[in-house]
Amino acid sequence: MKARIKVMLKNGVLDPQGKAIEHALGSLGFPGVASVRQGKLFEVELAETDPAKARAAIEEMSKKLLANTVIENYAIELDEK
């Protein structure tokens, strides 16, 4: 089973890397970009076949390592194929 975990800064948390990307895009000739938020995407391959157990494991991984839950939100997508 495959899982994708998208980690993004919470609303209201400053995103200096996103701001730098926003300015760089303007400099490269993309003037219509109003805002950029930068995040992380993790793809994890699990041996687990039970979706509930897989989701629980990914939740634990996300809370303990993949996301800093003080300043970041995360979303989990399971591919049960």
Protein backbone atom coordinates (compact mmCIF):
# COMPACT_ATOMS: atom_id res chain seq x y z
CA MET A 1 0.00 0.00 0.00
CA LYS A 2 1.25 3.47 -0.87
CA ALA A 3 0.66 6.64 1.13
CA ARG A 4 1.22 10.27 0.25
CA ILE A 5 1.63 12.81 3.03
CA LYS A 6 1.37 16.49 2.11
CA VAL A 7 2.85 18.82 4.73
CA MET A 8 2.19 22.57 4.58
CA LEU A 9 2.80 25.46 6.93
CA LYS A 10 -0.31 26.50 8.85
CA ASN A 11 -2.10 29.67 7.78
CA GLY A 12 -0.53 32.67 9.48
CA VAL A 13 2.94 31.09 9.72
CA LEU A 14 5.50 33.06 7.74
CA ASP A 15 6.83 31.20 4.69
CA PRO A 16 10.10 32.90 3.66
CA GLN A 17 10.91 30.22 1.07
CA GLY A 18 7.47 30.62 -0.52
CA LYS A 19 7.98 34.40 -0.58
CA ALA A 20 11.39 33.97 -2.26
CA ILE A 21 9.85 31.69 -4.89
CA GLU A 22 7.06 34.23 -5.45
CA HIS A 23 9.61 37.02 -6.09
CA ALA A 24 11.73 34.77 -8.32
CA LEU A 25 8.72 33.89 -10.46
CA GLY A 26 8.00 37.59 -10.92
CA SER A 27 11.62 38.15 -11.95
CA LEU A 28 11.35 35.32 -14.48
CA GLY A 29 8.42 36.97 -16.23
CA PHE A 30 5.43 35.52 -14.38
CA PRO A 31 3.83 38.72 -13.08
CA GLY A 32 0.41 37.28 -12.14
CA VAL A 33 1.60 35.21 -9.16
CA ALA A 34 -0.09 36.62 -6.05
CA SER A 35 1.19 34.17 -3.45
CA VAL A 36 3.28 31.00 -3.11
CA ARG A 37 3.27 28.57 -0.18
CA GLN A 38 6.04 25.97 -0.13
CA GLY A 39 5.49 22.51 1.33
CA LYS A 40 6.72 18.92 1.38
CA LEU A 41 5.37 15.73 -0.16
CA PHE A 42 6.32 12.29 1.16
CA GLU A 43 5.53 9.01 -0.60
CA VAL A 44 5.73 5.99 1.68
CA GLU A 45 5.39 2.37 0.57
CA LEU A 46 3.90 0.17 3.30
CA ALA A 47 3.80 -3.62 3.58
CA GLU A 48 0.56 -3.26 5.57
CA THR A 49 -2.58 -4.31 3.65
CA ASP A 50 -5.22 -3.20 6.18
CA PRO A 51 -6.17 0.42 5.34
CA ALA A 52 -7.06 1.28 8.95
CA LYS A 53 -3.72 0.00 10.27
CA ALA A 54 -1.84 1.71 7.44
CA ARG A 55 -3.57 5.05 8.15
CA ALA A 56 -2.82 4.71 11.87
CA ALA A 57 0.86 4.02 11.14
CA ILE A 58 1.11 7.00 8.76
CA GLU A 59 -0.64 9.25 11.32
CA GLU A 60 1.96 8.25 13.91
CA MET A 61 4.85 8.79 11.45
CA SER A 62 3.48 12.21 10.54
CA LYS A 63 3.08 13.33 14.15
CA LYS A 64 6.47 12.00 15.28
CA LEU A 65 8.71 12.88 12.33
CA LEU A 66 7.28 14.09 9.04
CA ALA A 67 5.44 17.21 10.27
CA ASN A 68 6.12 19.77 12.97
CA THR A 69 2.52 19.93 14.17
CA VAL A 70 3.13 23.21 16.00
CA ILE A 71 3.54 25.09 12.70
CA GLU A 72 2.53 22.57 10.01
CA ASN A 73 -0.61 20.74 8.92
CA TYR A 74 -0.54 17.44 7.09
CA ALA A 75 -2.93 15.50 4.89
CA ILE A 76 -2.77 11.77 4.20
CA GLU A 77 -3.84 10.02 1.00
CA LEU A 78 -3.81 6.21 0.85
CA ASP A 79 -3.61 4.30 -2.40
CA GLU A 80 -4.96 0.87 -1.55
CA LYS A 81 -3.91 -0.76 -4.84
